[in-house]
C-alpha atoms as a PDB file:
ATOM      1  CA  MET A   1      31.548  53.442  75.598  1.00  0.00           C
ATOM      2  CA  ASN A   2      30.881  54.873  78.786  1.00  0.00           C
ATOM      3  CA  ARG A   3      27.583  56.666  79.581  1.00  0.00           C
ATOM      4  CA  ARG A   4      27.592  59.639  77.871  1.00  0.00           C
ATOM      5  CA  GLU A   5      28.115  58.258  74.566  1.00  0.00           C
ATOM      6  CA  LEU A   6      25.713  55.720  75.057  1.00  0.00           C
ATOM      7  CA  LEU A   7      22.900  58.278  75.312  1.00  0.00           C
ATOM      8  CA  ARG A   8      24.680  60.268  72.594  1.00  0.00           C
ATOM      9  CA  ALA A   9      24.488  57.938  70.209  1.00  0.00           C
ATOM     10  CA  LEU A  10      20.943  56.704  71.158  1.00  0.00           C
ATOM     11  CA  ALA A  11      19.424  60.393  70.712  1.00  0.00           C
ATOM     12  CA  VAL A  12      21.698  60.382  67.146  1.00  0.00           C
ATOM     13  CA  LEU A  13      19.269  57.366  66.498  1.00  0.00           C
ATOM     14  CA  ALA A  14      15.989  58.145  67.463  1.00  0.00           C
ATOM     15  CA  SER A  15      16.539  61.759  65.861  1.00  0.00           C
ATOM     16  CA  ALA A  16      17.554  59.942  62.572  1.00  0.00           C
ATOM     17  CA  ARG A  17      14.927  57.117  63.167  1.00  0.00           C
ATOM     18  CA  ALA A  18      11.855  60.838  63.641  1.00  0.00           C
ATOM     19  CA  VAL A  19      13.533  62.588  60.362  1.00  0.00           C
ATOM     20  CA  LEU A  20      13.401  60.384  57.795  1.00  0.00           C
ATOM     21  CA  ALA A  21       9.746  58.543  59.577  1.00  0.00           C
ATOM     22  CA  ALA A  22       8.341  62.645  59.789  1.00  0.00           C
ATOM     23  CA  ALA A  23       9.415  62.464  55.845  1.00  0.00           C
ATOM     24  CA  GLY A  24       7.609  59.243  55.150  1.00  0.00           C
ATOM     25  CA  ALA A  25      10.929  57.305  54.005  1.00  0.00           C
ATOM     26  CA  PRO A  26      10.252  53.859  52.613  1.00  0.00           C
ATOM     27  CA  ALA A  27      12.460  51.677  54.268  1.00  0.00           C
ATOM     28  CA  ALA A  28      16.262  51.142  53.322  1.00  0.00           C
ATOM     29  CA  ARG A  29      17.304  47.854  51.461  1.00  0.00           C
ATOM     30  CA  LEU A  30      20.667  46.657  52.793  1.00  0.00           C
ATOM     31  CA  GLY A  31      22.758  44.002  51.018  1.00  0.00           C
ATOM     32  CA  LEU A  32      26.573  43.985  49.761  1.00  0.00           C
ATOM     33  CA  CYS A  33      28.442  45.522  47.529  1.00  0.00           C
ATOM     34  CA  SER A  34      31.093  42.953  45.985  1.00  0.00           C
ATOM     35  CA  PHE A  35      34.388  44.467  47.632  1.00  0.00           C
ATOM     36  CA  SER A  36      33.208  43.740  51.203  1.00  0.00           C
ATOM     37  CA  SER A  37      34.017  40.406  49.596  1.00  0.00           C
ATOM     38  CA  HIS A  38      37.016  40.864  47.853  1.00  0.00           C
ATOM     39  CA  GLN A  39      38.849  38.599  49.461  1.00  0.00           C
ATOM     40  CA  HIS A  40      36.534  35.702  48.576  1.00  0.00           C
ATOM     41  CA  TRP A  41      36.385  36.971  45.050  1.00  0.00           C
ATOM     42  CA  ARG A  42      39.963  36.752  44.206  1.00  0.00           C
ATOM     43  CA  ALA A  43      40.225  33.273  46.202  1.00  0.00           C
ATOM     44  CA  ALA A  44      37.215  32.816  43.741  1.00  0.00           C
ATOM     45  CA  GLY A  45      39.511  33.309  40.576  1.00  0.00           C
ATOM     46  CA  THR A  46      42.933  31.346  42.439  1.00  0.00           C
ATOM     47  CA  LYS A  47      40.284  27.805  41.926  1.00  0.00           C
ATOM     48  CA  HIS A  48      40.417  28.187  46.127  1.00  0.00           C
ATOM     49  CA  PRO A  49      38.208  25.205  47.374  1.00  0.00           C
ATOM     50  CA  GLY A  50      35.874  25.771  49.137  1.00  0.00           C
ATOM     51  CA  VAL A  51      34.840  29.425  47.862  1.00  0.00           C
ATOM     52  CA  LYS A  52      31.088  30.132  48.376  1.00  0.00           C
ATOM     53  CA  PHE A  53      30.261  31.700  44.900  1.00  0.00           C
ATOM     54  CA  SER A  54      31.532  32.842  41.678  1.00  0.00           C
ATOM     55  CA  ASP A  55      29.525  34.733  39.845  1.00  0.00           C
ATOM     56  CA  ALA A  56      26.973  37.262  40.353  1.00  0.00           C
ATOM     57  CA  LEU A  57      24.438  34.798  40.626  1.00  0.00           C
ATOM     58  CA  GLY A  58      25.923  32.961  43.571  1.00  0.00           C
ATOM     59  CA  PHE A  59      26.928  36.602  45.175  1.00  0.00           C
ATOM     60  CA  TYR A  60      23.735  37.594  45.309  1.00  0.00           C
ATOM     61  CA  ARG A  61      22.521  33.861  46.893  1.00  0.00           C
ATOM     62  CA  HIS A  62      25.749  34.472  49.640  1.00  0.00           C
ATOM     63  CA  ALA A  63      24.069  38.514  50.109  1.00  0.00           C
ATOM     64  CA  ARG A  64      20.422  36.636  50.692  1.00  0.00           C
ATOM     65  CA  GLU A  65      22.530  33.702  53.434  1.00  0.00           C
ATOM     66  CA  LEU A  66      24.084  36.642  54.906  1.00  0.00           C
ATOM     67  CA  GLY A  67      21.197  38.420  55.534  1.00  0.00           C
ATOM     68  CA  GLY A  68      20.550  41.092  53.024  1.00  0.00           C
ATOM     69  CA  ALA A  69      18.173  42.203  50.159  1.00  0.00           C
ATOM     70  CA  GLY A  70      21.143  42.300  47.115  1.00  0.00           C
ATOM     71  CA  VAL A  71      24.274  43.025  46.037  1.00  0.00           C
ATOM     72  CA  GLN A  72      25.846  45.264  43.994  1.00  0.00           C
ATOM     73  CA  THR A  73      28.171  43.985  41.628  1.00  0.00           C
ATOM     74  CA  GLY A  74      29.013  43.249  38.125  1.00  0.00           C
ATOM     75  CA  LEU A  75      28.342  40.832  35.619  1.00  0.00           C
ATOM     76  CA  ARG A  76      31.037  42.154  32.724  1.00  0.00           C
ATOM     77  CA  GLY A  77      31.269  38.662  30.457  1.00  0.00           C
ATOM     78  CA  ALA A  78      27.736  37.661  31.525  1.00  0.00           C
ATOM     79  CA  THR A  79      25.235  36.857  29.099  1.00  0.00           C
ATOM     80  CA  THR A  80      21.552  38.295  28.577  1.00  0.00           C
ATOM     81  CA  GLU A  81      20.216  34.904  29.196  1.00  0.00           C
ATOM     82  CA  THR A  82      22.363  35.054  32.902  1.00  0.00           C
ATOM     83  CA  ALA A  83      21.101  38.340  33.633  1.00  0.00           C
ATOM     84  CA  ARG A  84      17.779  38.029  32.443  1.00  0.00           C
ATOM     85  CA  GLU A  85      18.047  34.624  35.358  1.00  0.00           C
ATOM     86  CA  LEU A  86      19.660  37.258  37.493  1.00  0.00           C
ATOM     87  CA  ARG A  87      16.630  39.608  37.797  1.00  0.00           C
ATOM     88  CA  ALA A  88      14.250  36.425  38.046  1.00  0.00           C
ATOM     89  CA  LEU A  89      15.744  35.463  41.106  1.00  0.00           C
ATOM     90  CA  VAL A  90      15.963  39.235  42.240  1.00  0.00           C
ATOM     91  CA  GLU A  91      12.121  39.896  41.362  1.00  0.00           C
ATOM     92  CA  ARG A  92      11.152  36.640  42.880  1.00  0.00           C
ATOM     93  CA  ASP A  93      12.848  37.236  45.983  1.00  0.00           C
ATOM     94  CA  GLY A  94      11.653  40.903  46.995  1.00  0.00           C
ATOM     95  CA  GLY A  95      15.587  41.361  46.679  1.00  0.00           C
ATOM     96  CA  TYR A  96      17.867  44.112  44.391  1.00  0.00           C
ATOM     97  CA  TYR A  97      20.655  44.239  42.223  1.00  0.00           C
ATOM     98  CA  GLU A  98      22.681  47.462  41.688  1.00  0.00           C
ATOM     99  CA  ALA A  99      25.463  47.010  38.746  1.00  0.00           C
ATOM    100  CA  GLU A 100      28.559  47.926  38.588  1.00  0.00           C
ATOM    101  CA  LEU A 101      30.167  49.184  35.358  1.00  0.00           C
ATOM    102  CA  ARG A 102      33.797  50.275  34.031  1.00  0.00           C
ATOM    103  CA  LEU A 103      33.864  53.665  32.307  1.00  0.00           C
ATOM    104  CA  PRO A 104      35.154  54.026  28.480  1.00  0.00           C
ATOM    105  CA  ARG A 105      37.821  55.999  28.818  1.00  0.00           C
ATOM    106  CA  GLN A 106      38.835  56.328  25.061  1.00  0.00           C
ATOM    107  CA  GLU A 107      36.096  56.935  22.712  1.00  0.00           C
ATOM    108  CA  GLY A 108      36.748  53.116  21.166  1.00  0.00           C
ATOM    109  CA  GLU A 109      35.492  51.511  24.616  1.00  0.00           C
ATOM    110  CA  THR A 110      31.414  53.450  24.040  1.00  0.00           C
ATOM    111  CA  ALA A 111      30.343  50.655  22.515  1.00  0.00           C
ATOM    112  CA  ALA A 112      31.350  47.808  25.116  1.00  0.00           C
ATOM    113  CA  PHE A 113      30.703  50.077  27.651  1.00  0.00           C
ATOM    114  CA  GLU A 114      26.458  50.461  26.000  1.00  0.00           C
ATOM    115  CA  LYS A 115      26.989  46.136  25.493  1.00  0.00           C
ATOM    116  CA  ASP A 116      27.347  46.460  29.417  1.00  0.00           C
ATOM    117  CA  VAL A 117      24.235  49.314  30.055  1.00  0.00           C
ATOM    118  CA  ALA A 118      22.173  46.977  28.478  1.00  0.00           C
ATOM    119  CA  LEU A 119      22.925  43.450  29.881  1.00  0.00           C
ATOM    120  CA  ALA A 120      23.160  45.865  33.751  1.00  0.00           C
ATOM    121  CA  ARG A 121      19.215  46.357  32.478  1.00  0.00           C
ATOM    122  CA  ALA A 122      18.735  43.255  31.470  1.00  0.00           C
ATOM    123  CA  ALA A 123      19.497  42.200  35.370  1.00  0.00           C
ATOM    124  CA  GLY A 124      17.306  44.583  36.295  1.00  0.00           C
ATOM    125  CA  ALA A 125      20.055  47.317  37.531  1.00  0.00           C
ATOM    126  CA  THR A 126      18.402  50.903  37.426  1.00  0.00           C
ATOM    127  CA  VAL A 127      21.308  51.948  39.114  1.00  0.00           C
ATOM    128  CA  ALA A 128      24.771  51.439  38.345  1.00  0.00           C
ATOM    129  CA  ARG A 129      27.990  52.206  40.419  1.00  0.00           C
ATOM    130  CA  ALA A 130      31.773  53.333  38.300  1.00  0.00           C
ATOM    131  CA  VAL A 131      34.746  55.064  39.330  1.00  0.00           C
ATOM    132  CA  PHE A 132      37.591  57.337  36.849  1.00  0.00           C
ATOM    133  CA  THR A 133      39.998  55.159  38.554  1.00  0.00           C
ATOM    134  CA  SER A 134      41.157  52.401  40.633  1.00  0.00           C
ATOM    135  CA  GLY A 135      43.890  54.061  42.784  1.00  0.00           C
ATOM    136  CA  ARG A 136      44.648  56.319  44.594  1.00  0.00           C
ATOM    137  CA  ARG A 137      44.842  60.364  44.051  1.00  0.00           C
ATOM    138  CA  TYR A 138      47.865  60.707  45.994  1.00  0.00           C
ATOM    139  CA  GLU A 139      49.725  56.823  44.895  1.00  0.00           C
ATOM    140  CA  GLU A 140      49.042  57.337  40.726  1.00  0.00           C
ATOM    141  CA  PHE A 141      49.253  60.536  40.379  1.00  0.00           C
ATOM    142  CA  LYS A 142      52.694  62.483  41.282  1.00  0.00           C
ATOM    143  CA  THR A 143      52.491  65.517  39.324  1.00  0.00           C
ATOM    144  CA  ALA A 144      49.366  68.756  39.330  1.00  0.00           C
ATOM    145  CA  ALA A 145      49.745  68.397  35.745  1.00  0.00           C
ATOM    146  CA  ALA A 146      48.832  64.782  35.578  1.00  0.00           C
ATOM    147  CA  PHE A 147      45.836  65.417  38.217  1.00  0.00           C
ATOM    148  CA  ARG A 148      44.595  68.692  35.592  1.00  0.00           C
ATOM    149  CA  GLU A 149      44.709  65.538  32.906  1.00  0.00           C
ATOM    150  CA  TYR A 150      43.131  63.064  34.793  1.00  0.00           C
ATOM    151  CA  HIS A 151      40.795  65.185  35.842  1.00  0.00           C
ATOM    152  CA  ASP A 152      39.955  66.596  31.506  1.00  0.00           C
ATOM    153  CA  ARG A 153      39.385  62.799  30.923  1.00  0.00           C
ATOM    154  CA  ALA A 154      36.615  62.036  33.722  1.00  0.00           C
ATOM    155  CA  ARG A 155      34.640  65.491  31.837  1.00  0.00           C
ATOM    156  CA  GLN A 156      35.390  63.811  28.786  1.00  0.00           C
ATOM    157  CA  ILE A 157      33.684  60.506  30.404  1.00  0.00           C
ATOM    158  CA  LEU A 158      30.929  62.204  31.738  1.00  0.00           C
ATOM    159  CA  ALA A 159      30.164  63.739  28.586  1.00  0.00           C
ATOM    160  CA  ARG A 160      30.256  60.649  27.212  1.00  0.00           C
ATOM    161  CA  ILE A 161      28.206  58.399  29.282  1.00  0.00           C
ATOM    162  CA  GLU A 162      25.125  60.619  29.580  1.00  0.00           C
ATOM    163  CA  PRO A 163      23.710  59.995  26.444  1.00  0.00           C
ATOM    164  CA  ILE A 164      23.935  56.313  26.947  1.00  0.00           C
ATOM    165  CA  ALA A 165      21.910  56.267  30.221  1.00  0.00           C
ATOM    166  CA  ARG A 166      19.626  58.572  29.413  1.00  0.00           C
ATOM    167  CA  ARG A 167      18.763  56.174  26.647  1.00  0.00           C
ATOM    168  CA  HIS A 168      18.685  53.018  28.880  1.00  0.00           C
ATOM    169  CA  ARG A 169      17.667  54.808  31.706  1.00  0.00           C
ATOM    170  CA  LEU A 170      20.415  53.388  34.333  1.00  0.00           C
ATOM    171  CA  LYS A 171      21.660  56.149  37.063  1.00  0.00           C
ATOM    172  CA  ILE A 172      25.498  56.061  36.584  1.00  0.00           C
ATOM    173  CA  ALA A 173      26.573  56.507  40.805  1.00  0.00           C
ATOM    174  CA  ILE A 174      30.255  58.212  40.045  1.00  0.00           C
ATOM    175  CA  GLU A 175      31.913  56.543  43.818  1.00  0.00           C
ATOM    176  CA  ASN A 176      33.624  59.260  45.737  1.00  0.00           C
ATOM    177  CA  HIS A 177      37.354  56.969  45.257  1.00  0.00           C
ATOM    178  CA  LYS A 178      40.117  58.625  47.502  1.00  0.00           C
ATOM    179  CA  ASP A 179      40.588  60.545  43.834  1.00  0.00           C
ATOM    180  CA  LEU A 180      38.538  64.052  43.954  1.00  0.00           C
ATOM    181  CA  THR A 181      38.131  66.101  46.531  1.00  0.00           C
ATOM    182  CA  THR A 182      34.676  66.937  47.868  1.00  0.00           C
ATOM    183  CA  ASP A 183      34.262  70.252  46.005  1.00  0.00           C
ATOM    184  CA  GLU A 184      35.741  68.618  42.881  1.00  0.00           C
ATOM    185  CA  GLN A 185      33.019  65.965  42.114  1.00  0.00           C
ATOM    186  CA  VAL A 186      30.517  68.346  43.298  1.00  0.00           C
ATOM    187  CA  THR A 187      31.722  70.806  40.441  1.00  0.00           C
ATOM    188  CA  LEU A 188      31.558  67.618  37.859  1.00  0.00           C
ATOM    189  CA  ILE A 189      28.700  66.659  38.583  1.00  0.00           C
ATOM    190  CA  ARG A 190      26.740  69.972  38.626  1.00  0.00           C
ATOM    191  CA  GLY A 191      28.470  70.753  35.769  1.00  0.00           C
ATOM    192  CA  LEU A 192      26.559  67.934  33.413  1.00  0.00           C
ATOM    193  CA  ALA A 193      23.478  68.572  35.373  1.00  0.00           C
ATOM    194  CA  SER A 194      21.952  65.024  34.085  1.00  0.00           C
ATOM    195  CA  GLU A 195      19.308  63.043  36.686  1.00  0.00           C
ATOM    196  CA  TRP A 196      20.884  60.443  34.573  1.00  0.00           C
ATOM    197  CA  ILE A 197      24.561  60.850  36.665  1.00  0.00           C
ATOM    198  CA  GLY A 198      25.222  61.245  40.137  1.00  0.00           C
ATOM    199  CA  VAL A 199      27.399  60.217  43.584  1.00  0.00           C
ATOM    200  CA  LEU A 200      27.973  56.612  44.964  1.00  0.00           C
ATOM    201  CA  VAL A 201      29.275  58.119  48.853  1.00  0.00           C
ATOM    202  CA  ASP A 202      31.050  56.083  50.211  1.00  0.00           C
ATOM    203  CA  THR A 203      31.173  56.898  54.310  1.00  0.00           C
ATOM    204  CA  GLY A 204      35.004  56.645  54.060  1.00  0.00           C
ATOM    205  CA  ASN A 205      36.822  57.189  51.336  1.00  0.00           C
ATOM    206  CA  ASN A 206      37.581  61.442  51.933  1.00  0.00           C
ATOM    207  CA  LEU A 207      39.056  60.314  55.576  1.00  0.00           C
ATOM    208  CA  ALA A 208      41.805  59.759  52.911  1.00  0.00           C
ATOM    209  CA  LEU A 209      42.265  63.323  51.444  1.00  0.00           C
ATOM    210  CA  LEU A 210      42.103  64.569  55.023  1.00  0.00           C
ATOM    211  CA  GLU A 211      38.521  66.099  54.716  1.00  0.00           C
ATOM    212  CA  GLU A 212      35.880  66.385  57.116  1.00  0.00           C
ATOM    213  CA  PRO A 213      33.625  63.451  57.491  1.00  0.00           C
ATOM    214  CA  TYR A 214      29.959  65.377  57.766  1.00  0.00           C
ATOM    215  CA  ALA A 215      30.774  67.983  55.336  1.00  0.00           C
ATOM    216  CA  THR A 216      31.266  65.534  52.556  1.00  0.00           C
ATOM    217  CA  MET A 217      28.031  63.691  52.971  1.00  0.00           C
ATOM    218  CA  GLU A 218      26.176  66.722  52.831  1.00  0.00           C
ATOM    219  CA  ALA A 219      28.253  68.361  50.163  1.00  0.00           C
ATOM    220  CA  LEU A 220      27.381  65.517  48.748  1.00  0.00           C
ATOM    221  CA  ALA A 221      23.782  63.821  49.512  1.00  0.00           C
ATOM    222  CA  PRO A 222      22.086  65.908  46.873  1.00  0.00           C
ATOM    223  CA  PHE A 223      23.494  64.365  44.496  1.00  0.00           C
ATOM    224  CA  ALA A 224      23.443  60.430  46.346  1.00  0.00           C
ATOM    225  CA  LEU A 225      22.524  57.660  43.850  1.00  0.00           C
ATOM    226  CA  SER A 226      24.119  54.349  45.899  1.00  0.00           C
ATOM    227  CA  VAL A 227      26.043  54.439  49.418  1.00  0.00           C
ATOM    228  CA  HIS A 228      29.200  52.179  50.054  1.00  0.00           C
ATOM    229  CA  LEU A 229      28.268  52.371  54.315  1.00  0.00           C
ATOM    230  CA  LYS A 230      31.531  51.409  56.300  1.00  0.00           C
ATOM    231  CA  ASP A 231      32.950  52.333  59.589  1.00  0.00           C
ATOM    232  CA  MET A 232      35.850  53.495  60.315  1.00  0.00           C
ATOM    233  CA  ALA A 233      39.059  53.605  62.743  1.00  0.00           C
ATOM    234  CA  LEU A 234      42.304  55.725  62.293  1.00  0.00           C
ATOM    235  CA  GLN A 235      45.686  55.004  64.283  1.00  0.00           C
ATOM    236  CA  PRO A 236      48.613  57.344  64.311  1.00  0.00           C
ATOM    237  CA  ALA A 237      51.577  56.375  61.900  1.00  0.00           C
ATOM    238  CA  PRO A 238      55.264  58.386  61.488  1.00  0.00           C
ATOM    239  CA  ASP A 239      54.135  59.446  57.540  1.00  0.00           C
ATOM    240  CA  GLY A 240      51.101  60.582  58.355  1.00  0.00           C
ATOM    241  CA  PHE A 241      48.229  58.255  59.420  1.00  0.00           C
ATOM    242  CA  LEU A 242      46.702  54.527  58.799  1.00  0.00           C
ATOM    243  CA  LEU A 243      43.060  53.804  58.136  1.00  0.00           C
ATOM    244  CA  SER A 244      40.771  50.889  58.321  1.00  0.00           C
ATOM    245  CA  GLU A 245      37.316  49.683  57.695  1.00  0.00           C
ATOM    246  CA  VAL A 246      36.019  48.559  60.911  1.00  0.00           C
ATOM    247  CA  PRO A 247      32.879  46.385  62.307  1.00  0.00           C
ATOM    248  CA  LEU A 248      29.815  48.229  61.664  1.00  0.00           C
ATOM    249  CA  GLY A 249      29.818  49.913  65.620  1.00  0.00           C
ATOM    250  CA  THR A 250      33.048  49.944  66.261  1.00  0.00           C
ATOM    251  CA  GLY A 251      34.376  53.221  64.427  1.00  0.00           C
ATOM    252  CA  PHE A 252      34.223  56.360  64.798  1.00  0.00           C
ATOM    253  CA  LEU A 253      31.610  57.565  61.833  1.00  0.00           C
ATOM    254  CA  ASP A 254      27.715  58.502  63.433  1.00  0.00           C
ATOM    255  CA  LEU A 255      26.358  56.077  61.114  1.00  0.00           C
ATOM    256  CA  PRO A 256      22.998  56.983  61.823  1.00  0.00           C
ATOM    257  CA  ARG A 257      23.568  60.527  61.239  1.00  0.00           C
ATOM    258  CA  ILE A 258      25.353  59.638  58.275  1.00  0.00           C
ATOM    259  CA  VAL A 259      22.482  57.748  57.126  1.00  0.00           C
ATOM    260  CA  ALA A 260      19.789  59.938  57.615  1.00  0.00           C
ATOM    261  CA  THR A 261      21.711  63.208  55.730  1.00  0.00           C
ATOM    262  CA  LEU A 262      21.837  60.658  52.610  1.00  0.00           C
ATOM    263  CA  ARG A 263      18.334  58.821  53.089  1.00  0.00           C
ATOM    264  CA  ARG A 264      17.080  62.857  53.901  1.00  0.00           C
ATOM    265  CA  ALA A 265      17.809  63.926  49.971  1.00  0.00           C
ATOM    266  CA  ASN A 266      17.662  60.330  48.456  1.00  0.00           C
ATOM    267  CA  PRO A 267      14.788  58.255  50.565  1.00  0.00           C
ATOM    268  CA  ALA A 268      15.445  55.259  47.855  1.00  0.00           C
ATOM    269  CA  LEU A 269      18.900  54.826  48.808  1.00  0.00           C
ATOM    270  CA  VAL A 270      19.820  51.524  49.370  1.00  0.00           C
ATOM    271  CA  LEU A 271      22.550  51.060  51.700  1.00  0.00           C
ATOM    272  CA  ASN A 272      25.287  48.635  50.243  1.00  0.00           C
ATOM    273  CA  LEU A 273      27.863  47.615  53.137  1.00  0.00           C
ATOM    274  CA  GLU A 274      31.574  47.555  52.241  1.00  0.00           C
ATOM    275  CA  MET A 275      33.595  46.335  54.707  1.00  0.00           C
ATOM    276  CA  ALA A 276      36.876  45.570  53.506  1.00  0.00           C
ATOM    277  CA  THR A 277      38.331  42.764  55.505  1.00  0.00           C
ATOM    278  CA  ARG A 278      42.348  43.895  54.767  1.00  0.00           C
ATOM    279  CA  ASP A 279      45.163  45.857  56.049  1.00  0.00           C
ATOM    280  CA  PRO A 280      45.230  49.423  57.047  1.00  0.00           C
ATOM    281  CA  LEU A 281      45.598  52.054  54.488  1.00  0.00           C
ATOM    282  CA  ARG A 282      48.479  54.263  54.989  1.00  0.00           C
ATOM    283  CA  ILE A 283      48.431  57.793  54.623  1.00  0.00           C
ATOM    284  CA  PRO A 284      51.147  60.100  53.971  1.00  0.00           C
ATOM    285  CA  CYS A 285      49.689  62.573  54.429  1.00  0.00           C
ATOM    286  CA  LEU A 286      53.262  64.187  56.405  1.00  0.00           C
ATOM    287  CA  THR A 287      55.451  63.465  53.382  1.00  0.00           C
ATOM    288  CA  ASP A 288      55.911  66.422  50.794  1.00  0.00           C
ATOM    289  CA  GLY A 289      54.602  64.805  47.943  1.00  0.00           C
ATOM    290  CA  TYR A 290      50.709  63.669  48.875  1.00  0.00           C
ATOM    291  CA  TYR A 291      49.938  67.741  48.460  1.00  0.00           C
ATOM    292  CA  ALA A 292      51.503  66.998  45.060  1.00  0.00           C
ATOM    293  CA  THR A 293      48.062  67.458  43.216  1.00  0.00           C
ATOM    294  CA  PHE A 294      46.009  69.791  45.845  1.00  0.00           C
ATOM    295  CA  PRO A 295      45.368  73.420  46.061  1.00  0.00           C
ATOM    296  CA  ALA A 296      48.350  75.165  47.019  1.00  0.00           C
ATOM    297  CA  ASP A 297      46.352  75.948  50.477  1.00  0.00           C
ATOM    298  CA  TYR A 298      44.930  72.462  51.227  1.00  0.00           C
ATOM    299  CA  ARG A 299      47.952  70.795  53.200  1.00  0.00           C
ATOM    300  CA  ALA A 300      47.198  74.798  55.734  1.00  0.00           C
ATOM    301  CA  ARG A 301      44.000  74.322  55.865  1.00  0.00           C
ATOM    302  CA  LEU A 302      42.979  70.889  56.589  1.00  0.00           C
ATOM    303  CA  LEU A 303      46.677  68.897  57.660  1.00  0.00           C
ATOM    304  CA  ALA A 304      45.929  70.037  60.974  1.00  0.00           C
ATOM    305  CA  PRO A 305      42.466  68.819  62.089  1.00  0.00           C
ATOM    306  CA  ALA A 306      42.900  65.754  59.841  1.00  0.00           C
ATOM    307  CA  LEU A 307      45.529  64.967  62.653  1.00  0.00           C
ATOM    308  CA  ALA A 308      43.523  65.798  65.297  1.00  0.00           C
ATOM    309  CA  ARG A 309      40.744  63.452  64.383  1.00  0.00           C
ATOM    310  CA  VAL A 310      43.162  61.101  64.287  1.00  0.00           C
ATOM    311  CA  GLN A 311      44.384  61.326  67.851  1.00  0.00           C
ATOM    312  CA  ALA A 312      40.721  62.262  68.949  1.00  0.00           C
ATOM    313  CA  HIS A 313      39.461  59.213  67.824  1.00  0.00           C
ATOM    314  CA  PRO A 314      41.767  56.255  68.742  1.00  0.00           C
ATOM    315  CA  PRO A 315      40.818  52.464  67.239  1.00  0.00           C
ATOM    316  CA  ARG A 316      37.779  50.916  69.617  1.00  0.00           C
ATOM    317  CA  GLY A 317      39.801  47.326  69.331  1.00  0.00           C
ATOM    318  CA  PRO A 318      42.360  45.563  67.139  1.00  0.00           C
ATOM    319  CA  VAL A 319      41.391  46.305  63.271  1.00  0.00           C
ATOM    320  CA  PRO A 320      41.182  44.103  60.611  1.00  0.00           C
ATOM    321  CA  ALA A 321      44.318  42.601  59.431  1.00  0.00           C
ATOM    322  CA  VAL A 322      45.017  40.175  57.217  1.00  0.00           C
ATOM    323  CA  ALA A 323      48.506  39.718  56.073  1.00  0.00           C
ATOM    324  CA  GLY A 324      50.789  36.320  56.824  1.00  0.00           C
ATOM    325  CA  LYS A 325      46.571  34.854  57.436  1.00  0.00           C
ATOM    326  CA  PRO A 326      46.445  31.140  55.807  1.00  0.00           C
ATOM    327  CA  THR A 327      43.266  32.195  53.195  1.00  0.00           C
ATOM    328  CA  ASP A 328      40.732  30.203  55.257  1.00  0.00           C
ATOM    329  CA  GLN A 329      40.588  32.322  57.847  1.00  0.00           C
ATOM    330  CA  VAL A 330      40.758  35.416  55.872  1.00  0.00           C
ATOM    331  CA  LEU A 331      37.843  34.066  54.416  1.00  0.00           C
ATOM    332  CA  ALA A 332      36.080  32.992  57.425  1.00  0.00           C
ATOM    333  CA  GLU A 333      36.892  36.759  59.096  1.00  0.00           C
ATOM    334  CA  GLU A 334      35.405  38.168  56.300  1.00  0.00           C
ATOM    335  CA  GLU A 335      32.593  36.706  56.138  1.00  0.00           C
ATOM    336  CA  ALA A 336      31.821  37.221  59.903  1.00  0.00           C
ATOM    337  CA  HIS A 337      32.387  41.154  59.286  1.00  0.00           C
ATOM    338  CA  ASN A 338      29.865  40.922  56.922  1.00  0.00           C
ATOM    339  CA  ARG A 339      27.385  39.219  58.403  1.00  0.00           C
ATOM    340  CA  HIS A 340      27.935  41.333  61.360  1.00  0.00           C
ATOM    341  CA  GLY A 341      27.661  44.549  59.406  1.00  0.00           C
ATOM    342  CA  LEU A 342      24.122  43.741  57.900  1.00  0.00           C
ATOM    343  CA  ALA A 343      22.749  42.496  61.265  1.00  0.00           C
ATOM    344  CA  TRP A 344      24.093  45.927  62.727  1.00  0.00           C
ATOM    345  CA  MET A 345      22.556  47.260  60.095  1.00  0.00           C
ATOM    346  CA  LYS A 346      19.158  45.992  60.520  1.00  0.00           C
ATOM    347  CA  THR A 347      19.171  47.297  64.654  1.00  0.00           C
ATOM    348  CA  ASN A 348      20.715  49.984  64.632  1.00  0.00           C
ATOM    349  CA  LEU A 349      19.546  52.251  61.356  1.00  0.00           C
ATOM    350  CA  ARG A 350      16.186  52.302  60.206  1.00  0.00           C
ATOM    351  CA  THR A 351      15.057  49.525  57.732  1.00  0.00           C
END
């Protein structure tokens, strides 16, 4: 970072803090979401020796040890007693717990979903994260018709879960998960018009859909119920570009600006670090198949600015990678990334 960039960064940080202070915003709570430790969860699932947690209680304790105030994770399969134990632990520490839920894709799954909602509330959650699909739009859907069917199903799911969320007083935050454009997601949420259904704003995901990051944050902010905070790096590739989560402060995103935008709309937002330690993701935006589900003018409008963004923001150093590394090394790097991220948030964001 040269002197001009440093002065600009300091000015943006001061401005963000001033905006929040003037608004009387409470201190932000900082912690980890599950995917920030997904390599550890995977190792726990295979019973790798030396893992530091294998359930929500252990994950919460691990996040506290790293310097976080809480976690966003699931309780699927846990007992009510475990949920209450987690709530007691969180309340004793003055921390937080946000839930993760699997949405009922079919009517027959609704009763099980409501049980999971009740379990989340027993653990003290007031917000839960959910996704419509775990896949990426340009990989999962090959035709416009297949995507329209998915989009219609998403609308049905929201109508199915809203009465449950309202009844149990649990706000459900639907993540922008490389599936819907910002306009599509805003239209879905606005159409429901419920205080109990909103957005989990991931600060990097919509780069995979070629969107301008700050415009995405501005559009999603009014519906924000939770955050996955990440910094990003971009690299050219023969069929498009590579997208990587990188340690906070080493990527190209102006995180103080983003956080100020989101917390101006919802000062109660929890900032969950999502530093995914993995290989770079391939975004094949130079292939015809990538655009199969997008509006006809999508490529013409968004491709050139997206590629210009890649050229304008080369990585400042090597990006995370896991291929070929032993599990113990990957776990150590993941923990170091999370420890760094939480410390960076405390230093550089108003907390």
